[in-house]
Amino acid sequence: MRKAGKKLMALLMAGTLLLGLAACGSAGGSGQDADSGTQAGAEAGTQTAAADGQTEIQVFIAASLSTVMDEIAAEYNKTHPDVKITYNADSSGTLMTQIEEGYACDVFFSAAQKQMDQLEGEGFVVEGTRANVLNNQLVVLTHKDSGTKVTGLASLGDAKSLALADGSVPVGKYTRQALMNMGILKKVDDPSLITTQEVSEALGGVEISEQGNVSKVLLAVTEGSCEVGTTYYSDTYGYEDQVEILETVGYDLSGDIIYPIAQINNEEADDTARAAAREFVEYVASDEAKAIFDKYYFDTNLE
């Protein structure tokens, strides 16, 4: 049974105070605290009445979408000024758990199919609204002029320190999948279950700072607290002067990195909010929105 929204709002607001970034100090870093990667995560626990007669919809987005979705909302509001879009950004795994626990959510935009599949199987996804929108690509990156010996995944063991998302985070899973396909990690049915400690040992004991979403990995690298990290190609948008891409990992190693979107059954939403949520999902999957995603280094040419 889903919990009451107001109680969960209080919990989420408390959680947003626990912001932090694990420094590269151990293989079991503590960068897993659930926090929003965008402006309105603290509001995502309950449906609230928007000002000036607007209809508010709660949109849960993977952290790697934070930058582009601001422009998506701005463009959408040019023709839908009566809709207030409130984002909650974090790892897809964290967002999935929040939805399962009863956080008010109207739209979920995931960085992987796994989380959407689970929610759909549990009856959270509104039938007929799910669509695959984007593909992305895994990259190994470092801070500009770091002087690292690492040239890509094959030489991660040469890193002085590595920022790596945990296995529940899609970018962490895709990194483990690639390392598994290269023979660096042992073959398992679910690469997301490979621990950070196991990755460290497979890389010869490299120091790993475990992070709770892809934005935190990027921050660790741009701030220089970790020498290298694995993120998505789209995450380098706006950071071209700060980071250097050491390797763009092929889909043959990572697999396709598909981003699905869907409307979520929100018990707190009225009919107007439900209609707005469906229309926003349709807009995100439209050709107009794809032109915006292309600018931010996403791949919209899905087969």
C-alpha atoms as a PDB file:
ATOM      1  CA  MET A   1       0.000   0.000   0.000  1.00  0.00           C
ATOM      2  CA  ARG A   2       1.350   3.429  -0.906  1.00  0.00           C
ATOM      3  CA  LYS A   3       2.078   5.733   2.018  1.00  0.00           C
ATOM      4  CA  ALA A   4       0.505   9.118   2.581  1.00  0.00           C
ATOM      5  CA  GLY A   5       2.102  11.845   0.483  1.00  0.00           C
ATOM      6  CA  LYS A   6       2.426  14.427   3.245  1.00  0.00           C
ATOM      7  CA  LYS A   7       4.367  12.092   5.492  1.00  0.00           C
ATOM      8  CA  LEU A   8       6.679  11.173   2.648  1.00  0.00           C
ATOM      9  CA  MET A   9       7.170  14.800   1.752  1.00  0.00           C
ATOM     10  CA  ALA A  10       8.567  15.378   5.216  1.00  0.00           C
ATOM     11  CA  LEU A  11      10.919  12.454   4.806  1.00  0.00           C
ATOM     12  CA  LEU A  12      12.124  13.663   1.433  1.00  0.00           C
ATOM     13  CA  MET A  13      12.654  17.202   2.652  1.00  0.00           C
ATOM     14  CA  ALA A  14      14.763  15.834   5.465  1.00  0.00           C
ATOM     15  CA  GLY A  15      16.722  13.741   2.989  1.00  0.00           C
ATOM     16  CA  THR A  16      17.593  16.736   0.845  1.00  0.00           C
ATOM     17  CA  LEU A  17      19.492  18.214   3.782  1.00  0.00           C
ATOM     18  CA  LEU A  18      21.923  15.311   3.650  1.00  0.00           C
ATOM     19  CA  LEU A  19      23.844  16.613   0.677  1.00  0.00           C
ATOM     20  CA  GLY A  20      27.401  15.448   0.349  1.00  0.00           C
ATOM     21  CA  LEU A  21      30.079  14.141  -1.919  1.00  0.00           C
ATOM     22  CA  ALA A  22      32.259  11.209  -0.934  1.00  0.00           C
ATOM     23  CA  ALA A  23      35.924  12.033  -1.369  1.00  0.00           C
ATOM     24  CA  CYS A  24      38.173   9.501  -3.046  1.00  0.00           C
ATOM     25  CA  GLY A  25      39.278   7.818   0.144  1.00  0.00           C
ATOM     26  CA  SER A  26      38.033   4.235   0.076  1.00  0.00           C
ATOM     27  CA  ALA A  27      36.460   1.599  -2.104  1.00  0.00           C
ATOM     28  CA  GLY A  28      33.254   1.821  -0.093  1.00  0.00           C
ATOM     29  CA  GLY A  29      32.615   5.569  -0.243  1.00  0.00           C
ATOM     30  CA  SER A  30      29.402   7.038   1.081  1.00  0.00           C
ATOM     31  CA  GLY A  31      28.145   8.938  -1.949  1.00  0.00           C
ATOM     32  CA  GLN A  32      24.765   7.199  -1.899  1.00  0.00           C
ATOM     33  CA  ASP A  33      22.617   9.706  -0.048  1.00  0.00           C
ATOM     34  CA  ALA A  34      19.389  10.358  -1.934  1.00  0.00           C
ATOM     35  CA  ASP A  35      19.218  13.991  -2.961  1.00  0.00           C
ATOM     36  CA  SER A  36      17.740  15.906  -5.840  1.00  0.00           C
ATOM     37  CA  GLY A  37      20.004  16.945  -8.679  1.00  0.00           C
ATOM     38  CA  THR A  38      17.731  19.823  -9.707  1.00  0.00           C
ATOM     39  CA  GLN A  39      15.812  22.695  -8.222  1.00  0.00           C
ATOM     40  CA  ALA A  40      12.692  21.086  -6.842  1.00  0.00           C
ATOM     41  CA  GLY A  41      13.487  17.714  -5.337  1.00  0.00           C
ATOM     42  CA  ALA A  42      12.252  18.722  -1.891  1.00  0.00           C
ATOM     43  CA  GLU A  43       8.785  19.342  -3.282  1.00  0.00           C
ATOM     44  CA  ALA A  44       8.450  15.914  -4.872  1.00  0.00           C
ATOM     45  CA  GLY A  45       6.868  14.122  -1.918  1.00  0.00           C
ATOM     46  CA  THR A  46       3.322  15.377  -2.436  1.00  0.00           C
ATOM     47  CA  GLN A  47       1.074  17.001  -5.000  1.00  0.00           C
ATOM     48  CA  THR A  48       0.776  20.720  -4.300  1.00  0.00           C
ATOM     49  CA  ALA A  49      -1.413  23.421  -5.782  1.00  0.00           C
ATOM     50  CA  ALA A  50       0.556  25.631  -8.134  1.00  0.00           C
ATOM     51  CA  ALA A  51       0.173  29.387  -8.010  1.00  0.00           C
ATOM     52  CA  ASP A  52      -1.970  31.474 -10.370  1.00  0.00           C
ATOM     53  CA  GLY A  53      -4.236  28.602 -11.362  1.00  0.00           C
ATOM     54  CA  GLN A  54      -1.442  26.492 -12.792  1.00  0.00           C
ATOM     55  CA  THR A  55      -1.547  22.710 -12.775  1.00  0.00           C
ATOM     56  CA  GLU A  56       1.569  21.217 -11.207  1.00  0.00           C
ATOM     57  CA  ILE A  57       3.034  17.902 -12.320  1.00  0.00           C
ATOM     58  CA  GLN A  58       5.831  16.052 -10.540  1.00  0.00           C
ATOM     59  CA  VAL A  59       8.395  14.739 -13.010  1.00  0.00           C
ATOM     60  CA  PHE A  60      11.056  12.313 -11.766  1.00  0.00           C
ATOM     61  CA  ILE A  61      14.135  12.403 -14.024  1.00  0.00           C
ATOM     62  CA  ALA A  62      17.448  10.560 -14.099  1.00  0.00           C
ATOM     63  CA  ALA A  63      20.264  12.808 -12.863  1.00  0.00           C
ATOM     64  CA  SER A  64      21.901  12.815 -16.308  1.00  0.00           C
ATOM     65  CA  LEU A  65      18.820  14.618 -17.664  1.00  0.00           C
ATOM     66  CA  SER A  66      18.958  17.560 -15.255  1.00  0.00           C
ATOM     67  CA  THR A  67      20.459  20.131 -17.625  1.00  0.00           C
ATOM     68  CA  VAL A  68      18.522  19.336 -20.787  1.00  0.00           C
ATOM     69  CA  MET A  69      15.167  19.041 -19.027  1.00  0.00           C
ATOM     70  CA  ASP A  70      15.318  22.671 -17.917  1.00  0.00           C
ATOM     71  CA  GLU A  71      15.238  23.699 -21.579  1.00  0.00           C
ATOM     72  CA  ILE A  72      12.582  21.089 -22.348  1.00  0.00           C
ATOM     73  CA  ALA A  73      10.340  22.602 -19.663  1.00  0.00           C
ATOM     74  CA  ALA A  74      10.984  26.145 -20.882  1.00  0.00           C
ATOM     75  CA  GLU A  75      10.022  25.250 -24.435  1.00  0.00           C
ATOM     76  CA  TYR A  76       6.980  23.271 -23.312  1.00  0.00           C
ATOM     77  CA  ASN A  77       5.736  26.168 -21.196  1.00  0.00           C
ATOM     78  CA  LYS A  78       5.736  28.488 -24.213  1.00  0.00           C
ATOM     79  CA  THR A  79       2.614  26.672 -25.392  1.00  0.00           C
ATOM     80  CA  HIS A  80       1.484  25.326 -22.006  1.00  0.00           C
ATOM     81  CA  PRO A  81       1.915  28.239 -19.575  1.00  0.00           C
ATOM     82  CA  ASP A  82      -0.752  26.769 -17.307  1.00  0.00           C
ATOM     83  CA  VAL A  83       1.435  23.777 -16.382  1.00  0.00           C
ATOM     84  CA  LYS A  84       4.096  23.988 -13.681  1.00  0.00           C
ATOM     85  CA  ILE A  85       6.718  21.267 -14.093  1.00  0.00           C
ATOM     86  CA  THR A  86       8.476  20.297 -10.869  1.00  0.00           C
ATOM     87  CA  TYR A  87      11.531  18.090 -11.293  1.00  0.00           C
ATOM     88  CA  ASN A  88      13.030  15.576  -8.887  1.00  0.00           C
ATOM     89  CA  ALA A  89      16.398  14.342 -10.202  1.00  0.00           C
ATOM     90  CA  ASP A  90      18.468  11.460  -8.870  1.00  0.00           C
ATOM     91  CA  SER A  91      19.620   8.014  -9.899  1.00  0.00           C
ATOM     92  CA  SER A  92      16.925   5.972 -11.633  1.00  0.00           C
ATOM     93  CA  GLY A  93      17.158   3.347  -8.898  1.00  0.00           C
ATOM     94  CA  THR A  94      16.535   5.894  -6.150  1.00  0.00           C
ATOM     95  CA  LEU A  95      13.622   7.419  -8.039  1.00  0.00           C
ATOM     96  CA  MET A  96      12.090   3.992  -8.636  1.00  0.00           C
ATOM     97  CA  THR A  97      12.240   3.270  -4.917  1.00  0.00           C
ATOM     98  CA  GLN A  98      10.630   6.615  -4.099  1.00  0.00           C
ATOM     99  CA  ILE A  99       7.756   5.855  -6.475  1.00  0.00           C
ATOM    100  CA  GLU A 100       7.317   2.409  -4.944  1.00  0.00           C
ATOM    101  CA  GLU A 101       7.238   3.968  -1.468  1.00  0.00           C
ATOM    102  CA  GLY A 102       4.458   6.367  -2.428  1.00  0.00           C
ATOM    103  CA  TYR A 103       6.091   9.645  -3.409  1.00  0.00           C
ATOM    104  CA  ALA A 104       3.715  11.636  -5.585  1.00  0.00           C
ATOM    105  CA  CYS A 105       4.981  11.274  -9.149  1.00  0.00           C
ATOM    106  CA  ASP A 106       3.214  11.985 -12.434  1.00  0.00           C
ATOM    107  CA  VAL A 107       5.997  11.209 -14.928  1.00  0.00           C
ATOM    108  CA  PHE A 108       9.116   9.032 -14.695  1.00  0.00           C
ATOM    109  CA  PHE A 109      12.007   9.494 -17.151  1.00  0.00           C
ATOM    110  CA  SER A 110      14.567   6.777 -16.469  1.00  0.00           C
ATOM    111  CA  ALA A 111      18.147   6.272 -17.657  1.00  0.00           C
ATOM    112  CA  ALA A 112      17.573   2.523 -18.020  1.00  0.00           C
ATOM    113  CA  GLN A 113      14.874   0.048 -18.923  1.00  0.00           C
ATOM    114  CA  LYS A 114      15.292  -2.033 -15.754  1.00  0.00           C
ATOM    115  CA  GLN A 115      13.663   0.455 -13.379  1.00  0.00           C
ATOM    116  CA  MET A 116      10.800   1.197 -15.765  1.00  0.00           C
ATOM    117  CA  ASP A 117      10.244  -2.525 -16.333  1.00  0.00           C
ATOM    118  CA  GLN A 118       9.941  -3.102 -12.594  1.00  0.00           C
ATOM    119  CA  LEU A 119       7.488  -0.242 -12.086  1.00  0.00           C
ATOM    120  CA  GLU A 120       5.422  -1.376 -15.047  1.00  0.00           C
ATOM    121  CA  GLY A 121       5.281  -4.887 -13.650  1.00  0.00           C
ATOM    122  CA  GLU A 122       4.061  -3.481 -10.333  1.00  0.00           C
ATOM    123  CA  GLY A 123       1.264  -1.503 -11.980  1.00  0.00           C
ATOM    124  CA  PHE A 124       2.669   2.011 -11.532  1.00  0.00           C
ATOM    125  CA  VAL A 125       2.959   2.835 -15.245  1.00  0.00           C
ATOM    126  CA  VAL A 126      -0.113   4.178 -17.038  1.00  0.00           C
ATOM    127  CA  GLU A 127      -0.842   1.767 -19.873  1.00  0.00           C
ATOM    128  CA  GLY A 128      -0.023   3.019 -23.346  1.00  0.00           C
ATOM    129  CA  THR A 129       2.176   5.958 -22.248  1.00  0.00           C
ATOM    130  CA  ARG A 130       5.621   4.332 -22.177  1.00  0.00           C
ATOM    131  CA  ALA A 131       8.056   5.372 -24.923  1.00  0.00           C
ATOM    132  CA  ASN A 132      11.788   4.963 -25.551  1.00  0.00           C
ATOM    133  CA  VAL A 133      13.154   8.453 -26.179  1.00  0.00           C
ATOM    134  CA  LEU A 134      16.954   8.490 -26.037  1.00  0.00           C
ATOM    135  CA  ASN A 135      20.154   6.516 -26.260  1.00  0.00           C
ATOM    136  CA  ASN A 136      23.376   7.593 -24.581  1.00  0.00           C
ATOM    137  CA  GLN A 137      26.991   6.478 -24.492  1.00  0.00           C
ATOM    138  CA  LEU A 138      29.321   5.570 -21.638  1.00  0.00           C
ATOM    139  CA  VAL A 139      32.555   7.581 -21.422  1.00  0.00           C
ATOM    140  CA  VAL A 140      35.700   7.479 -19.315  1.00  0.00           C
ATOM    141  CA  LEU A 141      36.751  11.010 -18.431  1.00  0.00           C
ATOM    142  CA  THR A 142      39.297  12.946 -16.426  1.00  0.00           C
ATOM    143  CA  HIS A 143      39.894  16.550 -15.439  1.00  0.00           C
ATOM    144  CA  LYS A 144      41.716  18.577 -18.078  1.00  0.00           C
ATOM    145  CA  ASP A 145      45.506  18.464 -17.637  1.00  0.00           C
ATOM    146  CA  SER A 146      45.284  15.737 -14.998  1.00  0.00           C
ATOM    147  CA  GLY A 147      48.228  13.898 -16.506  1.00  0.00           C
ATOM    148  CA  THR A 148      46.537  10.551 -15.860  1.00  0.00           C
ATOM    149  CA  LYS A 149      48.013   7.340 -17.230  1.00  0.00           C
ATOM    150  CA  VAL A 150      44.503   6.023 -17.882  1.00  0.00           C
ATOM    151  CA  THR A 151      43.480   5.831 -21.526  1.00  0.00           C
ATOM    152  CA  GLY A 152      40.137   4.073 -21.077  1.00  0.00           C
ATOM    153  CA  LEU A 153      38.391   1.158 -19.389  1.00  0.00           C
ATOM    154  CA  ALA A 154      41.257  -1.254 -20.055  1.00  0.00           C
ATOM    155  CA  SER A 155      43.674   0.840 -17.999  1.00  0.00           C
ATOM    156  CA  LEU A 156      41.425   1.936 -15.122  1.00  0.00           C
ATOM    157  CA  GLY A 157      43.766   0.047 -12.808  1.00  0.00           C
ATOM    158  CA  ASP A 158      46.368   2.753 -13.477  1.00  0.00           C
ATOM    159  CA  ALA A 159      44.168   5.437 -11.919  1.00  0.00           C
ATOM    160  CA  LYS A 160      45.193   7.028  -8.643  1.00  0.00           C
ATOM    161  CA  SER A 161      41.486   7.291  -7.812  1.00  0.00           C
ATOM    162  CA  LEU A 162      38.249   6.425  -9.576  1.00  0.00           C
ATOM    163  CA  ALA A 163      34.743   7.861  -9.162  1.00  0.00           C
ATOM    164  CA  LEU A 164      32.218   5.107  -9.859  1.00  0.00           C
ATOM    165  CA  ALA A 165      28.465   4.959  -9.398  1.00  0.00           C
ATOM    166  CA  ASP A 166      27.153   2.002  -7.425  1.00  0.00           C
ATOM    167  CA  GLY A 167      25.510  -0.871  -9.240  1.00  0.00           C
ATOM    168  CA  SER A 168      21.941   0.307  -8.604  1.00  0.00           C
ATOM    169  CA  VAL A 169      22.687   3.425 -10.660  1.00  0.00           C
ATOM    170  CA  PRO A 170      22.377   2.812 -14.425  1.00  0.00           C
ATOM    171  CA  VAL A 171      25.781   4.327 -15.279  1.00  0.00           C
ATOM    172  CA  GLY A 172      27.340   2.096 -12.618  1.00  0.00           C
ATOM    173  CA  LYS A 173      25.613  -0.944 -14.054  1.00  0.00           C
ATOM    174  CA  TYR A 174      26.669  -0.099 -17.627  1.00  0.00           C
ATOM    175  CA  THR A 175      30.277   0.378 -16.486  1.00  0.00           C
ATOM    176  CA  ARG A 176      30.230  -3.029 -14.814  1.00  0.00           C
ATOM    177  CA  GLN A 177      28.634  -4.553 -17.932  1.00  0.00           C
ATOM    178  CA  ALA A 178      31.424  -3.171 -20.115  1.00  0.00           C
ATOM    179  CA  LEU A 179      34.157  -4.381 -17.748  1.00  0.00           C
ATOM    180  CA  MET A 180      32.474  -7.778 -17.650  1.00  0.00           C
ATOM    181  CA  ASN A 181      32.370  -7.988 -21.454  1.00  0.00           C
ATOM    182  CA  MET A 182      36.072  -7.081 -21.550  1.00  0.00           C
ATOM    183  CA  GLY A 183      36.886  -9.956 -19.203  1.00  0.00           C
ATOM    184  CA  ILE A 184      38.015  -7.663 -16.396  1.00  0.00           C
ATOM    185  CA  LEU A 185      35.036  -8.584 -14.212  1.00  0.00           C
ATOM    186  CA  LYS A 186      33.717 -12.112 -13.910  1.00  0.00           C
ATOM    187  CA  LYS A 187      30.567 -12.989 -15.835  1.00  0.00           C
ATOM    188  CA  VAL A 188      27.360 -12.754 -13.786  1.00  0.00           C
ATOM    189  CA  ASP A 189      23.689 -12.618 -14.752  1.00  0.00           C
ATOM    190  CA  ASP A 190      23.141  -9.172 -13.215  1.00  0.00           C
ATOM    191  CA  PRO A 191      26.173  -6.830 -13.337  1.00  0.00           C
ATOM    192  CA  SER A 192      24.401  -4.354 -11.039  1.00  0.00           C
ATOM    193  CA  LEU A 193      25.026  -6.788  -8.169  1.00  0.00           C
ATOM    194  CA  ILE A 194      28.808  -6.561  -8.535  1.00  0.00           C
ATOM    195  CA  THR A 195      30.030  -4.571  -5.536  1.00  0.00           C
ATOM    196  CA  THR A 196      32.369  -1.617  -5.681  1.00  0.00           C
ATOM    197  CA  GLN A 197      34.874  -3.625  -3.638  1.00  0.00           C
ATOM    198  CA  GLU A 198      34.794  -6.394  -6.249  1.00  0.00           C
ATOM    199  CA  VAL A 199      35.432  -3.837  -8.999  1.00  0.00           C
ATOM    200  CA  SER A 200      38.369  -2.436  -7.049  1.00  0.00           C
ATOM    201  CA  GLU A 201      39.886  -5.881  -6.582  1.00  0.00           C
ATOM    202  CA  ALA A 202      39.454  -6.713 -10.281  1.00  0.00           C
ATOM    203  CA  LEU A 203      41.303  -3.491 -11.138  1.00  0.00           C
ATOM    204  CA  GLY A 204      44.230  -4.364  -8.903  1.00  0.00           C
ATOM    205  CA  GLY A 205      43.065  -2.547  -5.781  1.00  0.00           C
ATOM    206  CA  VAL A 206      42.459   0.882  -7.307  1.00  0.00           C
ATOM    207  CA  GLU A 207      40.947   3.407  -4.878  1.00  0.00           C
ATOM    208  CA  ILE A 208      37.266   3.904  -5.728  1.00  0.00           C
ATOM    209  CA  SER A 209      34.882   6.550  -4.452  1.00  0.00           C
ATOM    210  CA  GLU A 210      31.355   5.114  -4.781  1.00  0.00           C
ATOM    211  CA  GLN A 211      28.777   7.683  -5.866  1.00  0.00           C
ATOM    212  CA  GLY A 212      24.982   7.671  -5.687  1.00  0.00           C
ATOM    213  CA  ASN A 213      24.268   9.137  -9.140  1.00  0.00           C
ATOM    214  CA  VAL A 214      26.035  10.171 -12.314  1.00  0.00           C
ATOM    215  CA  SER A 215      26.042  13.883 -11.421  1.00  0.00           C
ATOM    216  CA  LYS A 216      28.108  13.128  -8.335  1.00  0.00           C
ATOM    217  CA  VAL A 217      30.610  11.184 -10.437  1.00  0.00           C
ATOM    218  CA  LEU A 218      30.970  14.185 -12.740  1.00  0.00           C
ATOM    219  CA  LEU A 219      31.388  16.523  -9.768  1.00  0.00           C
ATOM    220  CA  ALA A 220      34.117  14.346  -8.255  1.00  0.00           C
ATOM    221  CA  VAL A 221      36.075  14.525 -11.523  1.00  0.00           C
ATOM    222  CA  THR A 222      35.522  18.215 -12.273  1.00  0.00           C
ATOM    223  CA  GLU A 223      36.498  19.174  -8.730  1.00  0.00           C
ATOM    224  CA  GLY A 224      39.598  17.005  -8.980  1.00  0.00           C
ATOM    225  CA  SER A 225      38.822  14.858  -5.937  1.00  0.00           C
ATOM    226  CA  CYS A 226      38.968  11.809  -8.229  1.00  0.00           C
ATOM    227  CA  GLU A 227      41.367  11.397 -11.133  1.00  0.00           C
ATOM    228  CA  VAL A 228      38.978   9.593 -13.477  1.00  0.00           C
ATOM    229  CA  GLY A 229      35.341   8.530 -13.604  1.00  0.00           C
ATOM    230  CA  THR A 230      32.698   6.989 -15.853  1.00  0.00           C
ATOM    231  CA  THR A 231      29.692   9.055 -16.901  1.00  0.00           C
ATOM    232  CA  TYR A 232      27.544   9.478 -19.988  1.00  0.00           C
ATOM    233  CA  TYR A 233      28.617  11.458 -23.028  1.00  0.00           C
ATOM    234  CA  SER A 234      25.685  13.837 -22.456  1.00  0.00           C
ATOM    235  CA  ASP A 235      27.056  14.722 -19.011  1.00  0.00           C
ATOM    236  CA  THR A 236      30.040  16.432 -20.630  1.00  0.00           C
ATOM    237  CA  TYR A 237      27.771  19.101 -22.145  1.00  0.00           C
ATOM    238  CA  GLY A 238      28.830  22.458 -20.706  1.00  0.00           C
ATOM    239  CA  TYR A 239      31.976  20.945 -19.179  1.00  0.00           C
ATOM    240  CA  GLU A 240      34.063  20.772 -22.347  1.00  0.00           C
ATOM    241  CA  ASP A 241      36.664  23.157 -20.895  1.00  0.00           C
ATOM    242  CA  GLN A 242      36.967  21.164 -17.658  1.00  0.00           C
ATOM    243  CA  VAL A 243      37.038  17.518 -18.671  1.00  0.00           C
ATOM    244  CA  GLU A 244      38.772  15.334 -21.208  1.00  0.00           C
ATOM    245  CA  ILE A 245      37.095  12.246 -22.619  1.00  0.00           C
ATOM    246  CA  LEU A 246      39.601   9.402 -22.518  1.00  0.00           C
ATOM    247  CA  GLU A 247      37.361   6.809 -24.168  1.00  0.00           C
ATOM    248  CA  THR A 248      33.881   6.657 -25.650  1.00  0.00           C
ATOM    249  CA  VAL A 249      32.747   3.117 -24.919  1.00  0.00           C
ATOM    250  CA  GLY A 250      31.071   1.213 -27.732  1.00  0.00           C
ATOM    251  CA  TYR A 251      27.583  -0.212 -27.428  1.00  0.00           C
ATOM    252  CA  ASP A 252      29.094  -3.641 -28.046  1.00  0.00           C
ATOM    253  CA  LEU A 253      30.582  -3.413 -24.542  1.00  0.00           C
ATOM    254  CA  SER A 254      28.024  -1.422 -22.548  1.00  0.00           C
ATOM    255  CA  GLY A 255      24.898  -2.337 -24.467  1.00  0.00           C
ATOM    256  CA  ASP A 256      22.370   0.288 -25.555  1.00  0.00           C
ATOM    257  CA  ILE A 257      21.686   2.929 -22.905  1.00  0.00           C
ATOM    258  CA  ILE A 258      18.006   3.551 -23.527  1.00  0.00           C
ATOM    259  CA  TYR A 259      16.002   6.207 -21.669  1.00  0.00           C
ATOM    260  CA  PRO A 260      12.273   5.386 -21.414  1.00  0.00           C
ATOM    261  CA  ILE A 261       9.580   7.795 -20.233  1.00  0.00           C
ATOM    262  CA  ALA A 262       6.062   7.041 -18.984  1.00  0.00           C
ATOM    263  CA  GLN A 263       3.181   8.530 -17.059  1.00  0.00           C
ATOM    264  CA  ILE A 264       2.891   7.190 -13.509  1.00  0.00           C
ATOM    265  CA  ASN A 265      -0.349   6.418 -11.693  1.00  0.00           C
ATOM    266  CA  ASN A 266      -0.497   9.196  -9.091  1.00  0.00           C
ATOM    267  CA  GLU A 267      -3.294   8.755  -6.584  1.00  0.00           C
ATOM    268  CA  GLU A 268      -3.044  12.396  -5.502  1.00  0.00           C
ATOM    269  CA  ALA A 269      -3.438  13.877  -9.001  1.00  0.00           C
ATOM    270  CA  ASP A 270      -6.743  15.216 -10.309  1.00  0.00           C
ATOM    271  CA  ASP A 271      -7.964  14.762 -13.883  1.00  0.00           C
ATOM    272  CA  THR A 272      -6.347  18.020 -15.020  1.00  0.00           C
ATOM    273  CA  ALA A 273      -2.950  16.986 -13.673  1.00  0.00           C
ATOM    274  CA  ARG A 274      -3.263  13.530 -15.243  1.00  0.00           C
ATOM    275  CA  ALA A 275      -4.051  15.068 -18.623  1.00  0.00           C
ATOM    276  CA  ALA A 276      -1.099  17.468 -18.286  1.00  0.00           C
ATOM    277  CA  ALA A 277       1.224  14.579 -17.403  1.00  0.00           C
ATOM    278  CA  ARG A 278       0.177  12.615 -20.483  1.00  0.00           C
ATOM    279  CA  GLU A 279       0.644  15.662 -22.724  1.00  0.00           C
ATOM    280  CA  PHE A 280       4.099  16.299 -21.283  1.00  0.00           C
ATOM    281  CA  VAL A 281       5.141  12.688 -21.958  1.00  0.00           C
ATOM    282  CA  GLU A 282       3.968  13.083 -25.554  1.00  0.00           C
ATOM    283  CA  TYR A 283       5.948  16.320 -25.907  1.00  0.00           C
ATOM    284  CA  VAL A 284       9.176  14.761 -24.578  1.00  0.00           C
ATOM    285  CA  ALA A 285       8.849  12.028 -27.221  1.00  0.00           C
ATOM    286  CA  SER A 286       8.111  14.531 -30.014  1.00  0.00           C
ATOM    287  CA  ASP A 287      10.398  15.609 -32.867  1.00  0.00           C
ATOM    288  CA  GLU A 288      10.513  19.128 -31.397  1.00  0.00           C
ATOM    289  CA  ALA A 289      11.951  17.804 -28.133  1.00  0.00           C
ATOM    290  CA  LYS A 290      14.377  15.505 -29.970  1.00  0.00           C
ATOM    291  CA  ALA A 291      15.997  18.558 -31.570  1.00  0.00           C
ATOM    292  CA  ILE A 292      16.732  19.855 -28.071  1.00  0.00           C
ATOM    293  CA  PHE A 293      18.112  16.525 -26.858  1.00  0.00           C
ATOM    294  CA  ASP A 294      20.434  16.386 -29.863  1.00  0.00           C
ATOM    295  CA  LYS A 295      22.059  19.656 -28.754  1.00  0.00           C
ATOM    296  CA  TYR A 296      22.912  18.091 -25.397  1.00  0.00           C
ATOM    297  CA  TYR A 297      24.781  15.123 -26.940  1.00  0.00           C
ATOM    298  CA  PHE A 298      21.967  12.576 -26.609  1.00  0.00           C
ATOM    299  CA  ASP A 299      21.283  10.113 -29.429  1.00  0.00           C
ATOM    300  CA  THR A 300      17.669  10.334 -30.599  1.00  0.00           C
ATOM    301  CA  ASN A 301      18.049   8.014 -33.601  1.00  0.00           C
ATOM    302  CA  LEU A 302      16.518   4.931 -32.026  1.00  0.00           C
ATOM    303  CA  GLU A 303      15.795   1.903 -34.175  1.00  0.00           C
END
